[in-house]
Amino acid sequence: MDSKEVIKINVWGQTAHFRIYGNQNFCDSYPLPPPSTLLGVLREILGERPPEPLTIAIKGNFEGIFFDYRTFLGGTVASDSKKELWIEKIVNRSVETKPLYVKVLYKPCYTVYLYSPEYHNLYLSKLNNPEGFVSLGRSEDLAMIKASSINVERKEARKFDKVKIENSYLPKEVYGAASMFLPICHLNKDRNLKMERLYYIQEAVSYYEGEYWEASDEDRFLWLLEYKDTAEGNFPKVLRNP
């Protein structure tokens, strides 16, 4: 298939934060929304689990970075065992005074390509009439979205074509020397974990060779993940360069 109809989703806002877990004193951020965040956004928009099969591509950028910090309110929740009900009451209240620094992306603007021929009209309708709010990471990082149906074409880049694929996540097999990677893990019904590395391609890196897809506005991208029967425990498939 050399062309197909897909949904192009433009997402933008004032701030975004996609936390990289592992550091307790500094909350770093991925530059692009991870697939798990995107699935959460779709869940809020649709009001239900995103129907499958579903194929996605993620790319985009932001204007700058600034740093924020926050403190945390701690304590324990008291319960009433006689009534067998939880009481929303904080006791032994305490405040963590040591600030936790947070890396915040300023004016993010992302493009998501979504391919689901069986549910194309459902996604398009819900995306333009969402059930809930869209946030880019934290609840305060509210965002706007706009979805449209477009046609994209499959193309082939050869050695001297000088085709760039910019500001995107790509599988390691396509480009394994990028400066940032996203370790994603999926838990199937047998409670087994599968780790994959998706690499972030920055602006103005080396030219790309191989299959890619192009929209009518000459925006280029590669399909990243295919979700199919994950509710039954199957792992999502990382799409690789043929």
C-alpha atoms as a PDB file:
ATOM      1  CA  MET A   1       0.000   0.000   0.000  1.00  0.00           C
ATOM      2  CA  ASP A   2       1.663   3.225  -1.193  1.00  0.00           C
ATOM      3  CA  SER A   3      -0.903   5.608   0.297  1.00  0.00           C
ATOM      4  CA  LYS A   4      -3.489   5.532   3.060  1.00  0.00           C
ATOM      5  CA  GLU A   5      -5.873   7.748   4.977  1.00  0.00           C
ATOM      6  CA  VAL A   6      -4.738   8.606   8.493  1.00  0.00           C
ATOM      7  CA  ILE A   7      -5.604  11.055  11.252  1.00  0.00           C
ATOM      8  CA  LYS A   8      -3.216  13.911  11.889  1.00  0.00           C
ATOM      9  CA  ILE A   9      -3.448  15.311  15.421  1.00  0.00           C
ATOM     10  CA  ASN A  10      -1.882  18.664  16.270  1.00  0.00           C
ATOM     11  CA  VAL A  11      -1.346  19.156  20.004  1.00  0.00           C
ATOM     12  CA  TRP A  12      -0.051  22.365  21.566  1.00  0.00           C
ATOM     13  CA  GLY A  13      -0.003  24.187  24.878  1.00  0.00           C
ATOM     14  CA  GLN A  14       1.937  26.516  27.138  1.00  0.00           C
ATOM     15  CA  THR A  15       3.822  23.877  29.143  1.00  0.00           C
ATOM     16  CA  ALA A  16       4.534  20.151  29.168  1.00  0.00           C
ATOM     17  CA  HIS A  17       6.385  17.709  31.386  1.00  0.00           C
ATOM     18  CA  PHE A  18       6.934  14.011  30.641  1.00  0.00           C
ATOM     19  CA  ARG A  19       8.789  12.713  33.650  1.00  0.00           C
ATOM     20  CA  ILE A  20      11.824  10.473  33.321  1.00  0.00           C
ATOM     21  CA  TYR A  21      11.646   8.302  36.396  1.00  0.00           C
ATOM     22  CA  GLY A  22      14.661   7.356  38.471  1.00  0.00           C
ATOM     23  CA  ASN A  23      15.927  10.644  39.918  1.00  0.00           C
ATOM     24  CA  GLN A  24      14.535  11.628  43.307  1.00  0.00           C
ATOM     25  CA  ASN A  25      15.847  15.203  43.442  1.00  0.00           C
ATOM     26  CA  PHE A  26      15.311  16.352  39.859  1.00  0.00           C
ATOM     27  CA  CYS A  27      12.397  15.567  37.560  1.00  0.00           C
ATOM     28  CA  ASP A  28      13.787  15.458  34.047  1.00  0.00           C
ATOM     29  CA  SER A  29      11.448  15.348  31.038  1.00  0.00           C
ATOM     30  CA  TYR A  30      11.347  13.524  27.748  1.00  0.00           C
ATOM     31  CA  PRO A  31      11.175  15.973  24.810  1.00  0.00           C
ATOM     32  CA  LEU A  32       8.163  14.220  23.269  1.00  0.00           C
ATOM     33  CA  PRO A  33       5.128  12.581  24.861  1.00  0.00           C
ATOM     34  CA  PRO A  34       5.847   8.879  25.482  1.00  0.00           C
ATOM     35  CA  PRO A  35       3.452   6.362  23.943  1.00  0.00           C
ATOM     36  CA  SER A  36       1.961   5.672  27.381  1.00  0.00           C
ATOM     37  CA  THR A  37       1.101   9.356  27.770  1.00  0.00           C
ATOM     38  CA  LEU A  38      -0.446   9.419  24.315  1.00  0.00           C
ATOM     39  CA  LEU A  39      -2.612   6.396  25.154  1.00  0.00           C
ATOM     40  CA  GLY A  40      -3.708   8.156  28.344  1.00  0.00           C
ATOM     41  CA  VAL A  41      -4.652  11.253  26.360  1.00  0.00           C
ATOM     42  CA  LEU A  42      -6.682   9.134  23.941  1.00  0.00           C
ATOM     43  CA  ARG A  43      -8.370   7.444  26.893  1.00  0.00           C
ATOM     44  CA  GLU A  44      -9.464  10.812  28.280  1.00  0.00           C
ATOM     45  CA  ILE A  45     -10.659  12.025  24.885  1.00  0.00           C
ATOM     46  CA  LEU A  46     -12.619   8.895  24.006  1.00  0.00           C
ATOM     47  CA  GLY A  47     -13.900   8.148  27.489  1.00  0.00           C
ATOM     48  CA  GLU A  48     -12.886   4.510  26.976  1.00  0.00           C
ATOM     49  CA  ARG A  49      -9.902   2.319  26.189  1.00  0.00           C
ATOM     50  CA  PRO A  50      -8.557   3.266  22.709  1.00  0.00           C
ATOM     51  CA  PRO A  51      -9.875   0.608  20.312  1.00  0.00           C
ATOM     52  CA  GLU A  52      -7.355  -1.488  18.389  1.00  0.00           C
ATOM     53  CA  PRO A  53      -5.698  -2.104  15.997  1.00  0.00           C
ATOM     54  CA  LEU A  54      -3.967   1.219  16.261  1.00  0.00           C
ATOM     55  CA  THR A  55      -0.694   2.475  14.761  1.00  0.00           C
ATOM     56  CA  ILE A  56       0.976   5.705  15.904  1.00  0.00           C
ATOM     57  CA  ALA A  57       3.842   8.044  15.068  1.00  0.00           C
ATOM     58  CA  ILE A  58       5.002  10.856  17.381  1.00  0.00           C
ATOM     59  CA  LYS A  59       7.054  13.937  16.561  1.00  0.00           C
ATOM     60  CA  GLY A  60       7.300  17.604  17.551  1.00  0.00           C
ATOM     61  CA  ASN A  61       9.270  20.283  19.341  1.00  0.00           C
ATOM     62  CA  PHE A  62       9.104  23.069  21.928  1.00  0.00           C
ATOM     63  CA  GLU A  63      10.341  26.662  22.096  1.00  0.00           C
ATOM     64  CA  GLY A  64      12.354  26.480  25.286  1.00  0.00           C
ATOM     65  CA  ILE A  65      12.930  25.038  28.747  1.00  0.00           C
ATOM     66  CA  PHE A  66      12.521  26.466  32.226  1.00  0.00           C
ATOM     67  CA  PHE A  67      12.717  24.984  35.702  1.00  0.00           C
ATOM     68  CA  ASP A  68      10.065  24.920  38.391  1.00  0.00           C
ATOM     69  CA  TYR A  69      10.018  23.352  41.819  1.00  0.00           C
ATOM     70  CA  ARG A  70       7.400  21.956  44.131  1.00  0.00           C
ATOM     71  CA  THR A  71       7.014  20.779  47.693  1.00  0.00           C
ATOM     72  CA  PHE A  72       4.845  17.930  48.885  1.00  0.00           C
ATOM     73  CA  LEU A  73       2.183  17.614  51.563  1.00  0.00           C
ATOM     74  CA  GLY A  74       2.502  14.312  53.380  1.00  0.00           C
ATOM     75  CA  GLY A  75       0.496  12.433  55.986  1.00  0.00           C
ATOM     76  CA  THR A  76      -1.750   9.443  56.524  1.00  0.00           C
ATOM     77  CA  VAL A  77      -5.423   8.838  55.765  1.00  0.00           C
ATOM     78  CA  ALA A  78      -7.688   7.951  58.694  1.00  0.00           C
ATOM     79  CA  SER A  79     -10.538   5.458  58.312  1.00  0.00           C
ATOM     80  CA  ASP A  80     -13.707   4.628  60.210  1.00  0.00           C
ATOM     81  CA  SER A  81     -13.746   0.841  60.667  1.00  0.00           C
ATOM     82  CA  LYS A  82     -17.261   0.842  62.148  1.00  0.00           C
ATOM     83  CA  LYS A  83     -18.840   2.364  59.066  1.00  0.00           C
ATOM     84  CA  GLU A  84     -16.437   0.500  56.780  1.00  0.00           C
ATOM     85  CA  LEU A  85     -15.855   3.718  54.899  1.00  0.00           C
ATOM     86  CA  TRP A  86     -12.739   5.663  54.143  1.00  0.00           C
ATOM     87  CA  ILE A  87     -12.683   9.171  55.535  1.00  0.00           C
ATOM     88  CA  GLU A  88     -10.785  11.655  53.421  1.00  0.00           C
ATOM     89  CA  LYS A  89      -8.883  13.196  56.266  1.00  0.00           C
ATOM     90  CA  ILE A  90      -5.157  13.830  56.494  1.00  0.00           C
ATOM     91  CA  VAL A  91      -3.597  13.275  59.909  1.00  0.00           C
ATOM     92  CA  ASN A  92       0.015  13.746  60.978  1.00  0.00           C
ATOM     93  CA  ARG A  93       0.310  16.386  58.304  1.00  0.00           C
ATOM     94  CA  SER A  94       3.834  17.302  57.257  1.00  0.00           C
ATOM     95  CA  VAL A  95       5.443  19.336  54.493  1.00  0.00           C
ATOM     96  CA  GLU A  96       8.582  18.314  52.621  1.00  0.00           C
ATOM     97  CA  THR A  97      10.602  21.527  52.605  1.00  0.00           C
ATOM     98  CA  LYS A  98      13.366  20.360  50.287  1.00  0.00           C
ATOM     99  CA  PRO A  99      12.332  21.512  46.790  1.00  0.00           C
ATOM    100  CA  LEU A 100      12.054  19.025  43.957  1.00  0.00           C
ATOM    101  CA  TYR A 101      13.188  20.682  40.739  1.00  0.00           C
ATOM    102  CA  VAL A 102      11.105  20.025  37.649  1.00  0.00           C
ATOM    103  CA  LYS A 103      12.161  20.497  34.031  1.00  0.00           C
ATOM    104  CA  VAL A 104       9.281  22.086  32.129  1.00  0.00           C
ATOM    105  CA  LEU A 105       8.989  22.385  28.343  1.00  0.00           C
ATOM    106  CA  TYR A 106       7.800  25.816  27.185  1.00  0.00           C
ATOM    107  CA  LYS A 107       5.256  26.122  24.351  1.00  0.00           C
ATOM    108  CA  PRO A 108       5.322  22.516  23.135  1.00  0.00           C
ATOM    109  CA  CYS A 109       3.843  21.692  19.741  1.00  0.00           C
ATOM    110  CA  TYR A 110       3.451  18.051  18.725  1.00  0.00           C
ATOM    111  CA  THR A 111       2.113  16.090  15.792  1.00  0.00           C
ATOM    112  CA  VAL A 112       0.696  12.605  16.198  1.00  0.00           C
ATOM    113  CA  TYR A 113      -0.205  10.407  13.244  1.00  0.00           C
ATOM    114  CA  LEU A 114      -2.836   7.779  13.988  1.00  0.00           C
ATOM    115  CA  TYR A 115      -3.829   4.923  11.699  1.00  0.00           C
ATOM    116  CA  SER A 116      -6.855   2.806  12.570  1.00  0.00           C
ATOM    117  CA  PRO A 117      -8.933   2.028   9.459  1.00  0.00           C
ATOM    118  CA  GLU A 118     -11.576   0.119  11.447  1.00  0.00           C
ATOM    119  CA  TYR A 119     -12.157   3.016  13.856  1.00  0.00           C
ATOM    120  CA  HIS A 120     -11.108   5.977  11.739  1.00  0.00           C
ATOM    121  CA  ASN A 121     -14.434   7.817  11.979  1.00  0.00           C
ATOM    122  CA  LEU A 122     -14.775   7.125  15.718  1.00  0.00           C
ATOM    123  CA  TYR A 123     -11.346   8.547  16.488  1.00  0.00           C
ATOM    124  CA  LEU A 124     -11.868  11.564  14.247  1.00  0.00           C
ATOM    125  CA  SER A 125     -15.261  12.365  15.794  1.00  0.00           C
ATOM    126  CA  LYS A 126     -14.098  11.981  19.392  1.00  0.00           C
ATOM    127  CA  LEU A 127     -10.857  13.887  18.850  1.00  0.00           C
ATOM    128  CA  ASN A 128     -12.795  16.924  17.668  1.00  0.00           C
ATOM    129  CA  ASN A 129     -15.404  16.507  20.439  1.00  0.00           C
ATOM    130  CA  PRO A 130     -13.393  15.187  23.390  1.00  0.00           C
ATOM    131  CA  GLU A 131     -14.978  13.667  26.469  1.00  0.00           C
ATOM    132  CA  GLY A 132     -12.333  15.094  28.815  1.00  0.00           C
ATOM    133  CA  PHE A 133      -9.467  17.524  29.129  1.00  0.00           C
ATOM    134  CA  VAL A 134      -6.115  17.034  27.410  1.00  0.00           C
ATOM    135  CA  SER A 135      -2.927  17.527  29.413  1.00  0.00           C
ATOM    136  CA  LEU A 136       0.697  17.114  28.389  1.00  0.00           C
ATOM    137  CA  GLY A 137       2.007  15.222  31.390  1.00  0.00           C
ATOM    138  CA  ARG A 138       0.861  16.950  34.578  1.00  0.00           C
ATOM    139  CA  SER A 139      -2.714  18.023  35.255  1.00  0.00           C
ATOM    140  CA  GLU A 140      -1.708  21.683  35.015  1.00  0.00           C
ATOM    141  CA  ASP A 141      -0.193  21.246  31.544  1.00  0.00           C
ATOM    142  CA  LEU A 142      -3.445  21.752  29.669  1.00  0.00           C
ATOM    143  CA  ALA A 143      -3.346  21.495  25.879  1.00  0.00           C
ATOM    144  CA  MET A 144      -5.402  22.121  22.777  1.00  0.00           C
ATOM    145  CA  ILE A 145      -5.882  19.610  19.981  1.00  0.00           C
ATOM    146  CA  LYS A 146      -7.001  19.660  16.374  1.00  0.00           C
ATOM    147  CA  ALA A 147      -7.551  16.522  14.304  1.00  0.00           C
ATOM    148  CA  SER A 148      -8.025  16.111  10.578  1.00  0.00           C
ATOM    149  CA  SER A 149      -8.148  13.270   8.080  1.00  0.00           C
ATOM    150  CA  ILE A 150      -5.319  13.328   5.532  1.00  0.00           C
ATOM    151  CA  ASN A 151      -3.677  11.079   2.970  1.00  0.00           C
ATOM    152  CA  VAL A 152      -0.040  10.063   3.376  1.00  0.00           C
ATOM    153  CA  GLU A 153       2.262   8.370   0.884  1.00  0.00           C
ATOM    154  CA  ARG A 154       4.991   5.817   1.401  1.00  0.00           C
ATOM    155  CA  LYS A 155       8.345   6.833  -0.043  1.00  0.00           C
ATOM    156  CA  GLU A 156      11.886   5.519  -0.177  1.00  0.00           C
ATOM    157  CA  ALA A 157      14.954   7.584   0.679  1.00  0.00           C
ATOM    158  CA  ARG A 158      18.227   6.549  -0.950  1.00  0.00           C
ATOM    159  CA  LYS A 159      21.782   7.453  -0.102  1.00  0.00           C
ATOM    160  CA  PHE A 160      21.965  10.785  -1.914  1.00  0.00           C
ATOM    161  CA  ASP A 161      18.355  11.973  -1.484  1.00  0.00           C
ATOM    162  CA  LYS A 162      19.200  13.992   1.669  1.00  0.00           C
ATOM    163  CA  VAL A 163      15.889  13.313   3.403  1.00  0.00           C
ATOM    164  CA  LYS A 164      15.617  14.422   7.022  1.00  0.00           C
ATOM    165  CA  ILE A 165      13.406  12.872   9.691  1.00  0.00           C
ATOM    166  CA  GLU A 166      13.442  15.418  12.514  1.00  0.00           C
ATOM    167  CA  ASN A 167      12.248  15.673  16.122  1.00  0.00           C
ATOM    168  CA  SER A 168      10.861  12.146  16.279  1.00  0.00           C
ATOM    169  CA  TYR A 169      11.037   8.904  18.190  1.00  0.00           C
ATOM    170  CA  LEU A 170      12.598   6.121  16.099  1.00  0.00           C
ATOM    171  CA  PRO A 171      13.430   2.497  16.941  1.00  0.00           C
ATOM    172  CA  LYS A 172      17.020   1.703  17.834  1.00  0.00           C
ATOM    173  CA  GLU A 173      17.484  -0.402  14.697  1.00  0.00           C
ATOM    174  CA  VAL A 174      16.765   2.648  12.536  1.00  0.00           C
ATOM    175  CA  TYR A 175      19.001   5.093  14.343  1.00  0.00           C
ATOM    176  CA  GLY A 176      20.811   3.869  17.440  1.00  0.00           C
ATOM    177  CA  ALA A 177      23.166   6.768  18.135  1.00  0.00           C
ATOM    178  CA  ALA A 178      20.758   9.511  19.187  1.00  0.00           C
ATOM    179  CA  SER A 179      21.426  11.516  22.319  1.00  0.00           C
ATOM    180  CA  MET A 180      18.278  10.456  24.181  1.00  0.00           C
ATOM    181  CA  PHE A 181      16.344   7.217  24.330  1.00  0.00           C
ATOM    182  CA  LEU A 182      13.033   6.250  25.856  1.00  0.00           C
ATOM    183  CA  PRO A 183      12.957   2.855  27.580  1.00  0.00           C
ATOM    184  CA  ILE A 184       9.378   1.659  27.335  1.00  0.00           C
ATOM    185  CA  CYS A 185       8.155  -1.493  29.012  1.00  0.00           C
ATOM    186  CA  HIS A 186       4.926  -3.387  28.509  1.00  0.00           C
ATOM    187  CA  LEU A 187       3.294  -5.795  30.940  1.00  0.00           C
ATOM    188  CA  ASN A 188       1.335  -8.649  29.403  1.00  0.00           C
ATOM    189  CA  LYS A 189      -1.295 -10.868  31.010  1.00  0.00           C
ATOM    190  CA  ASP A 190       1.401 -13.224  32.310  1.00  0.00           C
ATOM    191  CA  ARG A 191       3.003 -10.317  34.180  1.00  0.00           C
ATOM    192  CA  ASN A 192       6.047 -10.410  31.916  1.00  0.00           C
ATOM    193  CA  LEU A 193       7.912  -7.240  30.997  1.00  0.00           C
ATOM    194  CA  LYS A 194       9.357  -6.447  27.588  1.00  0.00           C
ATOM    195  CA  MET A 195      11.818  -3.583  27.232  1.00  0.00           C
ATOM    196  CA  GLU A 196      12.245  -1.578  24.031  1.00  0.00           C
ATOM    197  CA  ARG A 197      14.421   1.427  23.277  1.00  0.00           C
ATOM    198  CA  LEU A 198      12.939   4.236  21.213  1.00  0.00           C
ATOM    199  CA  TYR A 199      15.413   6.940  20.277  1.00  0.00           C
ATOM    200  CA  TYR A 200      14.788  10.653  19.974  1.00  0.00           C
ATOM    201  CA  ILE A 201      16.066  12.227  16.776  1.00  0.00           C
ATOM    202  CA  GLN A 202      16.953  15.869  17.212  1.00  0.00           C
ATOM    203  CA  GLU A 203      16.804  18.592  14.589  1.00  0.00           C
ATOM    204  CA  ALA A 204      19.515  18.704  11.904  1.00  0.00           C
ATOM    205  CA  VAL A 205      20.950  15.242  12.427  1.00  0.00           C
ATOM    206  CA  SER A 206      22.250  13.013   9.636  1.00  0.00           C
ATOM    207  CA  TYR A 207      20.072  12.180   6.661  1.00  0.00           C
ATOM    208  CA  TYR A 208      17.746   9.214   6.672  1.00  0.00           C
ATOM    209  CA  GLU A 209      17.832   6.261   4.292  1.00  0.00           C
ATOM    210  CA  GLY A 210      14.973   3.810   3.915  1.00  0.00           C
ATOM    211  CA  GLU A 211      11.180   3.798   3.921  1.00  0.00           C
ATOM    212  CA  TYR A 212       9.292   6.775   5.313  1.00  0.00           C
ATOM    213  CA  TRP A 213       5.863   8.394   4.999  1.00  0.00           C
ATOM    214  CA  GLU A 214       5.072  11.902   3.799  1.00  0.00           C
ATOM    215  CA  ALA A 215       1.957  14.045   4.244  1.00  0.00           C
ATOM    216  CA  SER A 216       0.660  16.560   1.716  1.00  0.00           C
ATOM    217  CA  ASP A 217       2.461  19.383   3.539  1.00  0.00           C
ATOM    218  CA  GLU A 218       5.761  17.463   3.076  1.00  0.00           C
ATOM    219  CA  ASP A 219       5.941  16.534   6.748  1.00  0.00           C
ATOM    220  CA  ARG A 220       7.879  13.260   7.026  1.00  0.00           C
ATOM    221  CA  PHE A 221       7.530  10.588   9.674  1.00  0.00           C
ATOM    222  CA  LEU A 222       7.975   6.902  10.468  1.00  0.00           C
ATOM    223  CA  TRP A 223       5.382   4.676  12.108  1.00  0.00           C
ATOM    224  CA  LEU A 224       6.527   3.825  15.613  1.00  0.00           C
ATOM    225  CA  LEU A 225       4.206   1.381  17.418  1.00  0.00           C
ATOM    226  CA  GLU A 226       1.325  -0.877  16.478  1.00  0.00           C
ATOM    227  CA  TYR A 227      -1.171  -1.855  19.171  1.00  0.00           C
ATOM    228  CA  LYS A 228      -3.152  -5.001  18.439  1.00  0.00           C
ATOM    229  CA  ASP A 229      -4.919  -7.258  20.960  1.00  0.00           C
ATOM    230  CA  THR A 230      -2.992  -5.764  23.879  1.00  0.00           C
ATOM    231  CA  ALA A 231      -6.109  -6.170  26.034  1.00  0.00           C
ATOM    232  CA  GLU A 232      -5.538  -9.924  25.673  1.00  0.00           C
ATOM    233  CA  GLY A 233      -1.940  -9.571  26.826  1.00  0.00           C
ATOM    234  CA  ASN A 234      -0.070  -9.119  23.540  1.00  0.00           C
ATOM    235  CA  PHE A 235       2.850  -6.707  23.523  1.00  0.00           C
ATOM    236  CA  PRO A 236       2.649  -3.714  21.194  1.00  0.00           C
ATOM    237  CA  LYS A 237       4.841  -4.144  18.148  1.00  0.00           C
ATOM    238  CA  VAL A 238       7.721  -1.759  17.567  1.00  0.00           C
ATOM    239  CA  LEU A 239       7.726  -0.989  13.837  1.00  0.00           C
ATOM    240  CA  ARG A 240      11.190  -1.166  12.342  1.00  0.00           C
ATOM    241  CA  ASN A 241      12.903  -0.194   9.143  1.00  0.00           C
ATOM    242  CA  PRO A 242      12.287  -2.869   6.474  1.00  0.00           C
END
